[in-house]
């Protein structure tokens, strides 16, 4: 890949980079209580992952480690479900009401999100 000179604009070279503008979007009016609850749940998940790391370092029983991994995944899934629910109620609903290309894009986004969550 060619080097960029100082001040040169970034040239998009792949479809992955083309969606950067979509990745930089912000949530529309996220409820402060929901945000706090999600952050608390993520801190729990982080603590669980830290505990898993210690369990592996301490050579704990494999079945016990797997139980903790399952619990950490459930914590993350709780946040993902809440965010999907809020996304459907706000962003997706607005796009569907507007119709056209925006509705088509949001529909495709929803299909991809649900597919990723199901893995």
PDB file of N, CA and C in Angstrom:
ATOM      1  N   UNK A   1       0.849  -1.181   0.000  1.00  0.00           N
ATOM      2  CA  UNK A   1       0.000   0.000   0.000  1.00  0.00           C
ATOM      3  C   UNK A   1       0.885   1.230   0.000  1.00  0.00           C
ATOM      4  N   UNK A   2       0.549   2.213  -0.779  1.00  0.00           N
ATOM      5  CA  UNK A   2       1.336   3.439  -0.892  1.00  0.00           C
ATOM      6  C   UNK A   2       1.217   4.268   0.379  1.00  0.00           C
ATOM      7  N   UNK A   3       2.300   4.941   0.702  1.00  0.00           N
ATOM      8  CA  UNK A   3       2.286   5.812   1.880  1.00  0.00           C
ATOM      9  C   UNK A   3       1.539   7.092   1.570  1.00  0.00           C
ATOM     10  N   UNK A   4       0.922   7.638   2.600  1.00  0.00           N
ATOM     11  CA  UNK A   4       0.217   8.908   2.440  1.00  0.00           C
ATOM     12  C   UNK A   4       1.167  10.040   2.795  1.00  0.00           C
ATOM     13  N   UNK A   5       1.092  11.105   2.039  1.00  0.00           N
ATOM     14  CA  UNK A   5       1.880  12.280   2.393  1.00  0.00           C
ATOM     15  C   UNK A   5       1.126  13.049   3.467  1.00  0.00           C
ATOM     16  N   UNK A   6       1.823  13.914   4.166  1.00  0.00           N
ATOM     17  CA  UNK A   6       1.203  14.695   5.233  1.00  0.00           C
ATOM     18  C   UNK A   6       0.042  15.494   4.667  1.00  0.00           C
ATOM     19  N   UNK A   7      -1.093  15.383   5.291  1.00  0.00           N
ATOM     20  CA  UNK A   7      -2.260  16.143   4.890  1.00  0.00           C
ATOM     21  C   UNK A   7      -3.052  15.512   3.759  1.00  0.00           C
ATOM     22  N   UNK A   8      -2.607  14.369   3.243  1.00  0.00           N
ATOM     23  CA  UNK A   8      -3.329  13.725   2.141  1.00  0.00           C
ATOM     24  C   UNK A   8      -4.600  13.082   2.665  1.00  0.00           C
ATOM     25  N   UNK A   9      -5.629  13.105   1.824  1.00  0.00           N
ATOM     26  CA  UNK A   9      -6.891  12.477   2.203  1.00  0.00           C
ATOM     27  C   UNK A   9      -6.772  10.974   2.075  1.00  0.00           C
ATOM     28  N   UNK A  10      -7.458  10.260   2.943  1.00  0.00           N
ATOM     29  CA  UNK A  10      -7.466   8.810   2.905  1.00  0.00           C
ATOM     30  C   UNK A  10      -8.276   8.352   1.694  1.00  0.00           C
ATOM     31  N   UNK A  11      -7.701   7.439   0.941  1.00  0.00           N
ATOM     32  CA  UNK A  11      -8.389   6.892  -0.220  1.00  0.00           C
ATOM     33  C   UNK A  11      -8.950   5.544   0.177  1.00  0.00           C
ATOM     34  N   UNK A  12     -10.222   5.346  -0.026  1.00  0.00           N
ATOM     35  CA  UNK A  12     -10.844   4.078   0.329  1.00  0.00           C
ATOM     36  C   UNK A  12     -10.449   3.026  -0.685  1.00  0.00           C
ATOM     37  N   UNK A  13     -10.036   1.866  -0.143  1.00  0.00           N
ATOM     38  CA  UNK A  13      -9.556   0.821  -1.028  1.00  0.00           C
ATOM     39  C   UNK A  13     -10.364  -0.465  -0.932  1.00  0.00           C
ATOM     40  N   UNK A  14     -11.316  -0.529  -0.019  1.00  0.00           N
ATOM     41  CA  UNK A  14     -12.093  -1.751   0.111  1.00  0.00           C
ATOM     42  C   UNK A  14     -13.504  -1.434   0.565  1.00  0.00           C
ATOM     43  N   UNK A  15     -14.391  -2.413   0.396  1.00  0.00           N
ATOM     44  CA  UNK A  15     -15.772  -2.215   0.840  1.00  0.00           C
ATOM     45  C   UNK A  15     -15.847  -2.126   2.358  1.00  0.00           C
ATOM     46  N   UNK A  16     -14.913  -2.772   3.048  1.00  0.00           N
ATOM     47  CA  UNK A  16     -14.878  -2.687   4.508  1.00  0.00           C
ATOM     48  C   UNK A  16     -14.630  -1.244   4.943  1.00  0.00           C
ATOM     49  N   UNK A  17     -13.693  -0.568   4.289  1.00  0.00           N
ATOM     50  CA  UNK A  17     -13.419   0.827   4.606  1.00  0.00           C
ATOM     51  C   UNK A  17     -14.580   1.721   4.190  1.00  0.00           C
ATOM     52  N   UNK A  18     -15.312   1.331   3.156  1.00  0.00           N
ATOM     53  CA  UNK A  18     -16.429   2.144   2.669  1.00  0.00           C
ATOM     54  C   UNK A  18     -17.512   2.275   3.726  1.00  0.00           C
ATOM     55  N   UNK A  19     -17.582   1.341   4.646  1.00  0.00           N
ATOM     56  CA  UNK A  19     -18.621   1.405   5.669  1.00  0.00           C
ATOM     57  C   UNK A  19     -18.140   2.098   6.941  1.00  0.00           C
ATOM     58  N   UNK A  20     -16.943   2.718   6.906  1.00  0.00           N
ATOM     59  CA  UNK A  20     -16.445   3.435   8.079  1.00  0.00           C
ATOM     60  C   UNK A  20     -17.418   4.507   8.545  1.00  0.00           C
ATOM     61  N   UNK A  21     -18.049   5.205   7.598  1.00  0.00           N
ATOM     62  CA  UNK A  21     -18.976   6.271   7.986  1.00  0.00           C
ATOM     63  C   UNK A  21     -20.157   5.688   8.752  1.00  0.00           C
ATOM     64  N   UNK A  22     -20.563   4.496   8.424  1.00  0.00           N
ATOM     65  CA  UNK A  22     -21.654   3.854   9.153  1.00  0.00           C
ATOM     66  C   UNK A  22     -21.203   3.460  10.553  1.00  0.00           C
ATOM     67  N   UNK A  23     -19.964   3.033  10.702  1.00  0.00           N
ATOM     68  CA  UNK A  23     -19.466   2.623  12.014  1.00  0.00           C
ATOM     69  C   UNK A  23     -19.327   3.798  12.964  1.00  0.00           C
ATOM     70  N   UNK A  24     -19.184   4.994  12.440  1.00  0.00           N
ATOM     71  CA  UNK A  24     -18.982   6.178  13.271  1.00  0.00           C
ATOM     72  C   UNK A  24     -20.289   6.864  13.663  1.00  0.00           C
ATOM     73  N   UNK A  25     -21.420   6.240  13.366  1.00  0.00           N
ATOM     74  CA  UNK A  25     -22.702   6.841  13.728  1.00  0.00           C
ATOM     75  C   UNK A  25     -22.894   6.787  15.242  1.00  0.00           C
ATOM     76  N   UNK A  26     -23.702   7.697  15.749  1.00  0.00           N
ATOM     77  CA  UNK A  26     -23.957   7.770  17.181  1.00  0.00           C
ATOM     78  C   UNK A  26     -25.382   7.333  17.476  1.00  0.00           C
ATOM     79  N   UNK A  27     -25.591   6.851  18.695  1.00  0.00           N
ATOM     80  CA  UNK A  27     -26.930   6.473  19.128  1.00  0.00           C
ATOM     81  C   UNK A  27     -27.790   7.718  19.239  1.00  0.00           C
ATOM     82  N   UNK A  28     -29.045   7.569  18.913  1.00  0.00           N
ATOM     83  CA  UNK A  28     -29.984   8.695  18.980  1.00  0.00           C
ATOM     84  C   UNK A  28     -30.668   8.700  20.330  1.00  0.00           C
ATOM     85  N   UNK A  29     -30.263   9.601  21.206  1.00  0.00           N
ATOM     86  CA  UNK A  29     -30.939   9.794  22.478  1.00  0.00           C
ATOM     87  C   UNK A  29     -30.982   8.580  23.379  1.00  0.00           C
ATOM     88  N   UNK A  30     -29.848   7.955  23.635  1.00  0.00           N
ATOM     89  CA  UNK A  30     -29.803   6.791  24.510  1.00  0.00           C
ATOM     90  C   UNK A  30     -30.210   7.196  25.924  1.00  0.00           C
ATOM     91  N   UNK A  31     -31.143   6.466  26.480  1.00  0.00           N
ATOM     92  CA  UNK A  31     -31.636   6.707  27.830  1.00  0.00           C
ATOM     93  C   UNK A  31     -30.484   6.560  28.833  1.00  0.00           C
ATOM     94  N   UNK A  32     -30.253   7.559  29.682  1.00  0.00           N
ATOM     95  CA  UNK A  32     -29.145   7.490  30.647  1.00  0.00           C
ATOM     96  C   UNK A  32     -29.224   6.275  31.575  1.00  0.00           C
ATOM     97  N   UNK A  33     -30.425   5.886  31.968  1.00  0.00           N
ATOM     98  CA  UNK A  33     -30.568   4.713  32.840  1.00  0.00           C
ATOM     99  C   UNK A  33     -30.181   3.435  32.098  1.00  0.00           C
ATOM    100  N   UNK A  34     -30.565   3.341  30.835  1.00  0.00           N
ATOM    101  CA  UNK A  34     -30.206   2.170  30.027  1.00  0.00           C
ATOM    102  C   UNK A  34     -28.698   2.123  29.810  1.00  0.00           C
ATOM    103  N   UNK A  35     -28.121   3.276  29.551  1.00  0.00           N
ATOM    104  CA  UNK A  35     -26.672   3.356  29.359  1.00  0.00           C
ATOM    105  C   UNK A  35     -25.957   2.885  30.618  1.00  0.00           C
ATOM    106  N   UNK A  36     -26.398   3.363  31.768  1.00  0.00           N
ATOM    107  CA  UNK A  36     -25.788   2.971  33.034  1.00  0.00           C
ATOM    108  C   UNK A  36     -25.927   1.473  33.280  1.00  0.00           C
ATOM    109  N   UNK A  37     -27.109   0.935  32.985  1.00  0.00           N
ATOM    110  CA  UNK A  37     -27.345  -0.499  33.178  1.00  0.00           C
ATOM    111  C   UNK A  37     -26.450  -1.327  32.257  1.00  0.00           C
ATOM    112  N   UNK A  38     -26.310  -0.889  31.014  1.00  0.00           N
ATOM    113  CA  UNK A  38     -25.451  -1.612  30.078  1.00  0.00           C
ATOM    114  C   UNK A  38     -23.988  -1.543  30.501  1.00  0.00           C
ATOM    115  N   UNK A  39     -23.549  -0.376  30.956  1.00  0.00           N
ATOM    116  CA  UNK A  39     -22.170  -0.246  31.418  1.00  0.00           C
ATOM    117  C   UNK A  39     -21.908  -1.117  32.639  1.00  0.00           C
ATOM    118  N   UNK A  40     -22.870  -1.189  33.546  1.00  0.00           N
ATOM    119  CA  UNK A  40     -22.737  -2.050  34.719  1.00  0.00           C
ATOM    120  C   UNK A  40     -22.638  -3.518  34.295  1.00  0.00           C
ATOM    121  N   UNK A  41     -23.472  -3.922  33.359  1.00  0.00           N
ATOM    122  CA  UNK A  41     -23.446  -5.300  32.866  1.00  0.00           C
ATOM    123  C   UNK A  41     -22.102  -5.604  32.199  1.00  0.00           C
ATOM    124  N   UNK A  42     -21.558  -4.644  31.455  1.00  0.00           N
ATOM    125  CA  UNK A  42     -20.261  -4.842  30.817  1.00  0.00           C
ATOM    126  C   UNK A  42     -19.133  -4.934  31.844  1.00  0.00           C
ATOM    127  N   UNK A  43     -19.248  -4.167  32.933  1.00  0.00           N
ATOM    128  CA  UNK A  43     -18.247  -4.273  33.998  1.00  0.00           C
ATOM    129  C   UNK A  43     -18.296  -5.646  34.642  1.00  0.00           C
ATOM    130  N   UNK A  44     -19.502  -6.194  34.784  1.00  0.00           N
ATOM    131  CA  UNK A  44     -19.637  -7.560  35.299  1.00  0.00           C
ATOM    132  C   UNK A  44     -18.958  -8.551  34.365  1.00  0.00           C
ATOM    133  N   UNK A  45     -19.218  -8.397  33.080  1.00  0.00           N
ATOM    134  CA  UNK A  45     -18.611  -9.293  32.090  1.00  0.00           C
ATOM    135  C   UNK A  45     -17.088  -9.183  32.132  1.00  0.00           C
ATOM    136  N   UNK A  46     -16.600  -7.956  32.264  1.00  0.00           N
ATOM    137  CA  UNK A  46     -15.153  -7.748  32.342  1.00  0.00           C
ATOM    138  C   UNK A  46     -14.583  -8.452  33.575  1.00  0.00           C
ATOM    139  N   UNK A  47     -15.270  -8.344  34.685  1.00  0.00           N
ATOM    140  CA  UNK A  47     -14.842  -9.037  35.902  1.00  0.00           C
ATOM    141  C   UNK A  47     -14.862 -10.544  35.718  1.00  0.00           C
ATOM    142  N   UNK A  48     -15.877 -11.046  35.009  1.00  0.00           N
ATOM    143  CA  UNK A  48     -15.940 -12.475  34.747  1.00  0.00           C
ATOM    144  C   UNK A  48     -14.774 -12.920  33.871  1.00  0.00           C
ATOM    145  N   UNK A  49     -14.454 -12.135  32.856  1.00  0.00           N
ATOM    146  CA  UNK A  49     -13.330 -12.479  31.969  1.00  0.00           C
ATOM    147  C   UNK A  49     -12.015 -12.432  32.745  1.00  0.00           C
ATOM    148  N   UNK A  50     -11.852 -11.435  33.603  1.00  0.00           N
ATOM    149  CA  UNK A  50     -10.655 -11.372  34.445  1.00  0.00           C
ATOM    150  C   UNK A  50     -10.576 -12.613  35.338  1.00  0.00           C
ATOM    151  N   UNK A  51     -11.712 -13.032  35.880  1.00  0.00           N
ATOM    152  CA  UNK A  51     -11.750 -14.238  36.701  1.00  0.00           C
ATOM    153  C   UNK A  51     -11.400 -15.484  35.904  1.00  0.00           C
ATOM    154  N   UNK A  52     -11.862 -15.551  34.674  1.00  0.00           N
ATOM    155  CA  UNK A  52     -11.537 -16.687  33.806  1.00  0.00           C
ATOM    156  C   UNK A  52     -10.033 -16.737  33.565  1.00  0.00           C
ATOM    157  N   UNK A  53      -9.460 -15.577  33.313  1.00  0.00           N
ATOM    158  CA  UNK A  53      -8.011 -15.505  33.099  1.00  0.00           C
ATOM    159  C   UNK A  53      -7.257 -16.048  34.314  1.00  0.00           C
ATOM    160  N   UNK A  54      -7.682 -15.630  35.502  1.00  0.00           N
ATOM    161  CA  UNK A  54      -7.035 -16.122  36.728  1.00  0.00           C
ATOM    162  C   UNK A  54      -7.226 -17.624  36.886  1.00  0.00           C
ATOM    163  N   UNK A  55      -8.428 -18.110  36.557  1.00  0.00           N
ATOM    164  CA  UNK A  55      -8.699 -19.543  36.669  1.00  0.00           C
ATOM    165  C   UNK A  55      -7.765 -20.348  35.757  1.00  0.00           C
ATOM    166  N   UNK A  56      -7.536 -19.846  34.560  1.00  0.00           N
ATOM    167  CA  UNK A  56      -6.639 -20.543  33.637  1.00  0.00           C
ATOM    168  C   UNK A  56      -5.200 -20.489  34.160  1.00  0.00           C
ATOM    169  N   UNK A  57      -4.784 -19.307  34.641  1.00  0.00           N
ATOM    170  CA  UNK A  57      -3.439 -19.189  35.205  1.00  0.00           C
ATOM    171  C   UNK A  57      -3.253 -20.136  36.388  1.00  0.00           C
ATOM    172  N   UNK A  58      -4.307 -20.314  37.199  1.00  0.00           N
ATOM    173  CA  UNK A  58      -4.242 -21.173  38.381  1.00  0.00           C
ATOM    174  C   UNK A  58      -4.505 -22.636  38.063  1.00  0.00           C
ATOM    175  N   UNK A  59      -4.695 -22.937  36.772  1.00  0.00           N
ATOM    176  CA  UNK A  59      -4.957 -24.294  36.299  1.00  0.00           C
ATOM    177  C   UNK A  59      -6.164 -24.923  36.992  1.00  0.00           C
ATOM    178  N   UNK A  60      -7.237 -24.135  37.052  1.00  0.00           N
ATOM    179  CA  UNK A  60      -8.478 -24.627  37.660  1.00  0.00           C
ATOM    180  C   UNK A  60      -9.133 -25.678  36.785  1.00  0.00           C
ATOM    181  N   UNK A  61     -10.090 -26.355  37.332  1.00  0.00           N
ATOM    182  CA  UNK A  61     -10.818 -27.426  36.662  1.00  0.00           C
ATOM    183  C   UNK A  61     -11.523 -26.879  35.418  1.00  0.00           C
ATOM    184  N   UNK A  62     -11.325 -27.569  34.288  1.00  0.00           N
ATOM    185  CA  UNK A  62     -11.831 -27.088  32.990  1.00  0.00           C
ATOM    186  C   UNK A  62     -13.334 -26.827  32.993  1.00  0.00           C
ATOM    187  N   UNK A  63     -14.100 -27.704  33.602  1.00  0.00           N
ATOM    188  CA  UNK A  63     -15.557 -27.534  33.616  1.00  0.00           C
ATOM    189  C   UNK A  63     -15.949 -26.252  34.338  1.00  0.00           C
ATOM    190  N   UNK A  64     -15.243 -25.904  35.399  1.00  0.00           N
ATOM    191  CA  UNK A  64     -15.531 -24.664  36.124  1.00  0.00           C
ATOM    192  C   UNK A  64     -15.230 -23.443  35.256  1.00  0.00           C
ATOM    193  N   UNK A  65     -14.165 -23.523  34.480  1.00  0.00           N
ATOM    194  CA  UNK A  65     -13.805 -22.422  33.583  1.00  0.00           C
ATOM    195  C   UNK A  65     -14.875 -22.259  32.506  1.00  0.00           C
ATOM    196  N   UNK A  66     -15.326 -23.361  31.962  1.00  0.00           N
ATOM    197  CA  UNK A  66     -16.354 -23.313  30.916  1.00  0.00           C
ATOM    198  C   UNK A  66     -17.642 -22.693  31.456  1.00  0.00           C
ATOM    199  N   UNK A  67     -18.004 -23.007  32.681  1.00  0.00           N
ATOM    200  CA  UNK A  67     -19.195 -22.405  33.292  1.00  0.00           C
ATOM    201  C   UNK A  67     -19.033 -20.891  33.363  1.00  0.00           C
ATOM    202  N   UNK A  68     -17.853 -20.420  33.730  1.00  0.00           N
ATOM    203  CA  UNK A  68     -17.619 -18.981  33.821  1.00  0.00           C
ATOM    204  C   UNK A  68     -17.607 -18.320  32.445  1.00  0.00           C
ATOM    205  N   UNK A  69     -17.094 -19.025  31.445  1.00  0.00           N
ATOM    206  CA  UNK A  69     -17.132 -18.487  30.079  1.00  0.00           C
ATOM    207  C   UNK A  69     -18.577 -18.333  29.624  1.00  0.00           C
ATOM    208  N   UNK A  70     -19.396 -19.310  29.944  1.00  0.00           N
ATOM    209  CA  UNK A  70     -20.816 -19.247  29.590  1.00  0.00           C
ATOM    210  C   UNK A  70     -21.496 -18.065  30.275  1.00  0.00           C
ATOM    211  N   UNK A  71     -21.146 -17.822  31.520  1.00  0.00           N
ATOM    212  CA  UNK A  71     -21.718 -16.693  32.256  1.00  0.00           C
ATOM    213  C   UNK A  71     -21.284 -15.360  31.637  1.00  0.00           C
ATOM    214  N   UNK A  72     -20.025 -15.249  31.236  1.00  0.00           N
ATOM    215  CA  UNK A  72     -19.532 -14.009  30.611  1.00  0.00           C
ATOM    216  C   UNK A  72     -20.234 -13.774  29.279  1.00  0.00           C
ATOM    217  N   UNK A  73     -20.409 -14.821  28.509  1.00  0.00           N
ATOM    218  CA  UNK A  73     -21.124 -14.686  27.235  1.00  0.00           C
ATOM    219  C   UNK A  73     -22.562 -14.241  27.473  1.00  0.00           C
ATOM    220  N   UNK A  74     -23.197 -14.764  28.498  1.00  0.00           N
ATOM    221  CA  UNK A  74     -24.579 -14.378  28.810  1.00  0.00           C
ATOM    222  C   UNK A  74     -24.650 -12.899  29.198  1.00  0.00           C
ATOM    223  N   UNK A  75     -23.653 -12.415  29.921  1.00  0.00           N
ATOM    224  CA  UNK A  75     -23.614 -10.992  30.283  1.00  0.00           C
ATOM    225  C   UNK A  75     -23.522 -10.117  29.044  1.00  0.00           C
ATOM    226  N   UNK A  76     -22.663 -10.489  28.122  1.00  0.00           N
ATOM    227  CA  UNK A  76     -22.525  -9.730  26.876  1.00  0.00           C
ATOM    228  C   UNK A  76     -23.793  -9.822  26.041  1.00  0.00           C
ATOM    229  N   UNK A  77     -24.407 -10.994  26.024  1.00  0.00           N
ATOM    230  CA  UNK A  77     -25.643 -11.174  25.254  1.00  0.00           C
ATOM    231  C   UNK A  77     -26.770 -10.315  25.822  1.00  0.00           C
ATOM    232  N   UNK A  78     -26.801 -10.131  27.118  1.00  0.00           N
ATOM    233  CA  UNK A  78     -27.804  -9.276  27.748  1.00  0.00           C
ATOM    234  C   UNK A  78     -27.685  -7.848  27.226  1.00  0.00           C
ATOM    235  N   UNK A  79     -26.466  -7.347  27.136  1.00  0.00           N
ATOM    236  CA  UNK A  79     -26.242  -5.996  26.615  1.00  0.00           C
ATOM    237  C   UNK A  79     -26.633  -5.933  25.143  1.00  0.00           C
ATOM    238  N   UNK A  80     -26.233  -6.938  24.374  1.00  0.00           N
ATOM    239  CA  UNK A  80     -26.548  -6.953  22.948  1.00  0.00           C
ATOM    240  C   UNK A  80     -28.062  -6.954  22.715  1.00  0.00           C
ATOM    241  N   UNK A  81     -28.794  -7.738  23.487  1.00  0.00           N
ATOM    242  CA  UNK A  81     -30.252  -7.788  23.331  1.00  0.00           C
ATOM    243  C   UNK A  81     -30.891  -6.450  23.670  1.00  0.00           C
ATOM    244  N   UNK A  82     -30.404  -5.817  24.721  1.00  0.00           N
ATOM    245  CA  UNK A  82     -30.953  -4.514  25.099  1.00  0.00           C
ATOM    246  C   UNK A  82     -30.685  -3.482  24.011  1.00  0.00           C
ATOM    247  N   UNK A  83     -29.460  -3.472  23.495  1.00  0.00           N
ATOM    248  CA  UNK A  83     -29.127  -2.517  22.435  1.00  0.00           C
ATOM    249  C   UNK A  83     -29.934  -2.782  21.168  1.00  0.00           C
ATOM    250  N   UNK A  84     -30.123  -4.047  20.823  1.00  0.00           N
ATOM    251  CA  UNK A  84     -30.934  -4.374  19.653  1.00  0.00           C
ATOM    252  C   UNK A  84     -32.373  -3.911  19.858  1.00  0.00           C
ATOM    253  N   UNK A  85     -32.909  -4.136  21.021  1.00  0.00           N
ATOM    254  CA  UNK A  85     -34.272  -3.705  21.345  1.00  0.00           C
ATOM    255  C   UNK A  85     -34.413  -2.192  21.192  1.00  0.00           C
ATOM    256  N   UNK A  86     -33.469  -1.460  21.739  1.00  0.00           N
ATOM    257  CA  UNK A  86     -33.521   0.004  21.655  1.00  0.00           C
ATOM    258  C   UNK A  86     -33.303   0.479  20.223  1.00  0.00           C
ATOM    259  N   UNK A  87     -32.457  -0.205  19.494  1.00  0.00           N
ATOM    260  CA  UNK A  87     -32.206   0.136  18.095  1.00  0.00           C
ATOM    261  C   UNK A  87     -33.479  -0.056  17.272  1.00  0.00           C
ATOM    262  N   UNK A  88     -34.172  -1.133  17.514  1.00  0.00           N
ATOM    263  CA  UNK A  88     -35.423  -1.386  16.789  1.00  0.00           C
ATOM    264  C   UNK A  88     -36.472  -0.326  17.106  1.00  0.00           C
ATOM    265  N   UNK A  89     -36.557   0.066  18.359  1.00  0.00           N
ATOM    266  CA  UNK A  89     -37.568   1.042  18.764  1.00  0.00           C
ATOM    267  C   UNK A  89     -37.281   2.443  18.238  1.00  0.00           C
ATOM    268  N   UNK A  90     -36.028   2.767  18.046  1.00  0.00           N
ATOM    269  CA  UNK A  90     -35.685   4.138  17.636  1.00  0.00           C
ATOM    270  C   UNK A  90     -35.246   4.205  16.182  1.00  0.00           C
ATOM    271  N   UNK A  91     -34.031   3.847  15.929  1.00  0.00           N
ATOM    272  CA  UNK A  91     -33.428   4.014  14.596  1.00  0.00           C
ATOM    273  C   UNK A  91     -34.159   3.223  13.516  1.00  0.00           C
ATOM    274  N   UNK A  92     -34.372   1.967  13.786  1.00  0.00           N
ATOM    275  CA  UNK A  92     -34.973   1.118  12.760  1.00  0.00           C
ATOM    276  C   UNK A  92     -36.408   1.546  12.479  1.00  0.00           C
ATOM    277  N   UNK A  93     -37.160   1.850  13.506  1.00  0.00           N
ATOM    278  CA  UNK A  93     -38.551   2.276  13.332  1.00  0.00           C
ATOM    279  C   UNK A  93     -38.626   3.544  12.482  1.00  0.00           C
ATOM    280  N   UNK A  94     -37.745   4.502  12.740  1.00  0.00           N
ATOM    281  CA  UNK A  94     -37.738   5.756  11.978  1.00  0.00           C
ATOM    282  C   UNK A  94     -37.418   5.502  10.506  1.00  0.00           C
ATOM    283  N   UNK A  95     -36.439   4.650  10.241  1.00  0.00           N
ATOM    284  CA  UNK A  95     -36.069   4.354   8.852  1.00  0.00           C
ATOM    285  C   UNK A  95     -37.205   3.640   8.129  1.00  0.00           C
ATOM    286  N   UNK A  96     -37.866   2.730   8.805  1.00  0.00           N
ATOM    287  CA  UNK A  96     -38.965   1.998   8.172  1.00  0.00           C
ATOM    288  C   UNK A  96     -40.131   2.941   7.876  1.00  0.00           C
ATOM    289  N   UNK A  97     -40.380   3.888   8.760  1.00  0.00           N
ATOM    290  CA  UNK A  97     -41.449   4.859   8.521  1.00  0.00           C
ATOM    291  C   UNK A  97     -41.147   5.756   7.325  1.00  0.00           C
ATOM    292  N   UNK A  98     -39.865   6.065   7.110  1.00  0.00           N
ATOM    293  CA  UNK A  98     -39.468   6.899   5.978  1.00  0.00           C
ATOM    294  C   UNK A  98     -39.505   6.129   4.669  1.00  0.00           C
ATOM    295  N   UNK A  99     -39.326   4.815   4.744  1.00  0.00           N
ATOM    296  CA  UNK A  99     -39.380   3.976   3.548  1.00  0.00           C
ATOM    297  C   UNK A  99     -38.195   4.167   2.628  1.00  0.00           C
ATOM    298  N   UNK A 100     -38.292   3.631   1.432  1.00  0.00           N
ATOM    299  CA  UNK A 100     -37.268   3.796   0.411  1.00  0.00           C
ATOM    300  C   UNK A 100     -35.960   3.116   0.740  1.00  0.00           C
ATOM    301  N   UNK A 101     -34.875   3.722   0.274  1.00  0.00           N
ATOM    302  CA  UNK A 101     -33.538   3.154   0.432  1.00  0.00           C
ATOM    303  C   UNK A 101     -33.139   3.039   1.897  1.00  0.00           C
ATOM    304  N   UNK A 102     -33.528   4.022   2.706  1.00  0.00           N
ATOM    305  CA  UNK A 102     -33.187   3.971   4.135  1.00  0.00           C
ATOM    306  C   UNK A 102     -33.811   2.750   4.792  1.00  0.00           C
ATOM    307  N   UNK A 103     -35.046   2.449   4.441  1.00  0.00           N
ATOM    308  CA  UNK A 103     -35.719   1.272   5.000  1.00  0.00           C
ATOM    309  C   UNK A 103     -35.034  -0.001   4.546  1.00  0.00           C
ATOM    310  N   UNK A 104     -34.644  -0.052   3.279  1.00  0.00           N
ATOM    311  CA  UNK A 104     -33.949  -1.228   2.756  1.00  0.00           C
ATOM    312  C   UNK A 104     -32.612  -1.447   3.469  1.00  0.00           C
ATOM    313  N   UNK A 105     -31.866  -0.364   3.685  1.00  0.00           N
ATOM    314  CA  UNK A 105     -30.576  -0.459   4.370  1.00  0.00           C
ATOM    315  C   UNK A 105     -30.755  -0.922   5.808  1.00  0.00           C
ATOM    316  N   UNK A 106     -31.753  -0.366   6.485  1.00  0.00           N
ATOM    317  CA  UNK A 106     -31.983  -0.758   7.870  1.00  0.00           C
ATOM    318  C   UNK A 106     -32.465  -2.200   7.976  1.00  0.00           C
ATOM    319  N   UNK A 107     -33.258  -2.628   7.033  1.00  0.00           N
ATOM    320  CA  UNK A 107     -33.719  -4.014   7.018  1.00  0.00           C
ATOM    321  C   UNK A 107     -32.515  -4.949   6.877  1.00  0.00           C
ATOM    322  N   UNK A 108     -31.620  -4.634   5.954  1.00  0.00           N
ATOM    323  CA  UNK A 108     -30.422  -5.458   5.761  1.00  0.00           C
ATOM    324  C   UNK A 108     -29.550  -5.439   7.006  1.00  0.00           C
ATOM    325  N   UNK A 109     -29.434  -4.272   7.623  1.00  0.00           N
ATOM    326  CA  UNK A 109     -28.659  -4.162   8.855  1.00  0.00           C
ATOM    327  C   UNK A 109     -29.244  -5.063   9.938  1.00  0.00           C
ATOM    328  N   UNK A 110     -30.554  -5.067  10.054  1.00  0.00           N
ATOM    329  CA  UNK A 110     -31.222  -5.898  11.056  1.00  0.00           C
ATOM    330  C   UNK A 110     -30.958  -7.375  10.807  1.00  0.00           C
ATOM    331  N   UNK A 111     -31.055  -7.801   9.562  1.00  0.00           N
ATOM    332  CA  UNK A 111     -30.794  -9.200   9.223  1.00  0.00           C
ATOM    333  C   UNK A 111     -29.364  -9.572   9.630  1.00  0.00           C
ATOM    334  N   UNK A 112     -28.407  -8.702   9.330  1.00  0.00           N
ATOM    335  CA  UNK A 112     -27.003  -8.973   9.680  1.00  0.00           C
ATOM    336  C   UNK A 112     -26.796  -8.993  11.187  1.00  0.00           C
ATOM    337  N   UNK A 113     -27.439  -8.073  11.903  1.00  0.00           N
ATOM    338  CA  UNK A 113     -27.298  -8.057  13.362  1.00  0.00           C
ATOM    339  C   UNK A 113     -27.831  -9.327  14.002  1.00  0.00           C
ATOM    340  N   UNK A 114     -29.015  -9.734  13.577  1.00  0.00           N
ATOM    341  CA  UNK A 114     -29.616 -10.943  14.143  1.00  0.00           C
ATOM    342  C   UNK A 114     -28.766 -12.163  13.798  1.00  0.00           C
ATOM    343  N   UNK A 115     -28.244 -12.206  12.600  1.00  0.00           N
ATOM    344  CA  UNK A 115     -27.372 -13.307  12.201  1.00  0.00           C
ATOM    345  C   UNK A 115     -26.124 -13.366  13.072  1.00  0.00           C
ATOM    346  N   UNK A 116     -25.526 -12.234  13.335  1.00  0.00           N
ATOM    347  CA  UNK A 116     -24.321 -12.200  14.185  1.00  0.00           C
ATOM    348  C   UNK A 116     -24.647 -12.603  15.617  1.00  0.00           C
ATOM    349  N   UNK A 117     -25.778 -12.152  16.102  1.00  0.00           N
ATOM    350  CA  UNK A 117     -26.153 -12.483  17.483  1.00  0.00           C
ATOM    351  C   UNK A 117     -26.460 -13.972  17.641  1.00  0.00           C
ATOM    352  N   UNK A 118     -26.909 -14.604  16.589  1.00  0.00           N
ATOM    353  CA  UNK A 118     -27.294 -16.006  16.658  1.00  0.00           C
ATOM    354  C   UNK A 118     -26.082 -16.953  16.653  1.00  0.00           C
ATOM    355  N   UNK A 119     -24.918 -16.421  16.334  1.00  0.00           N
ATOM    356  CA  UNK A 119     -23.713 -17.276  16.278  1.00  0.00           C
ATOM    357  C   UNK A 119     -23.231 -17.626  17.649  1.00  0.00           C
TER     358      UNK A 119
END
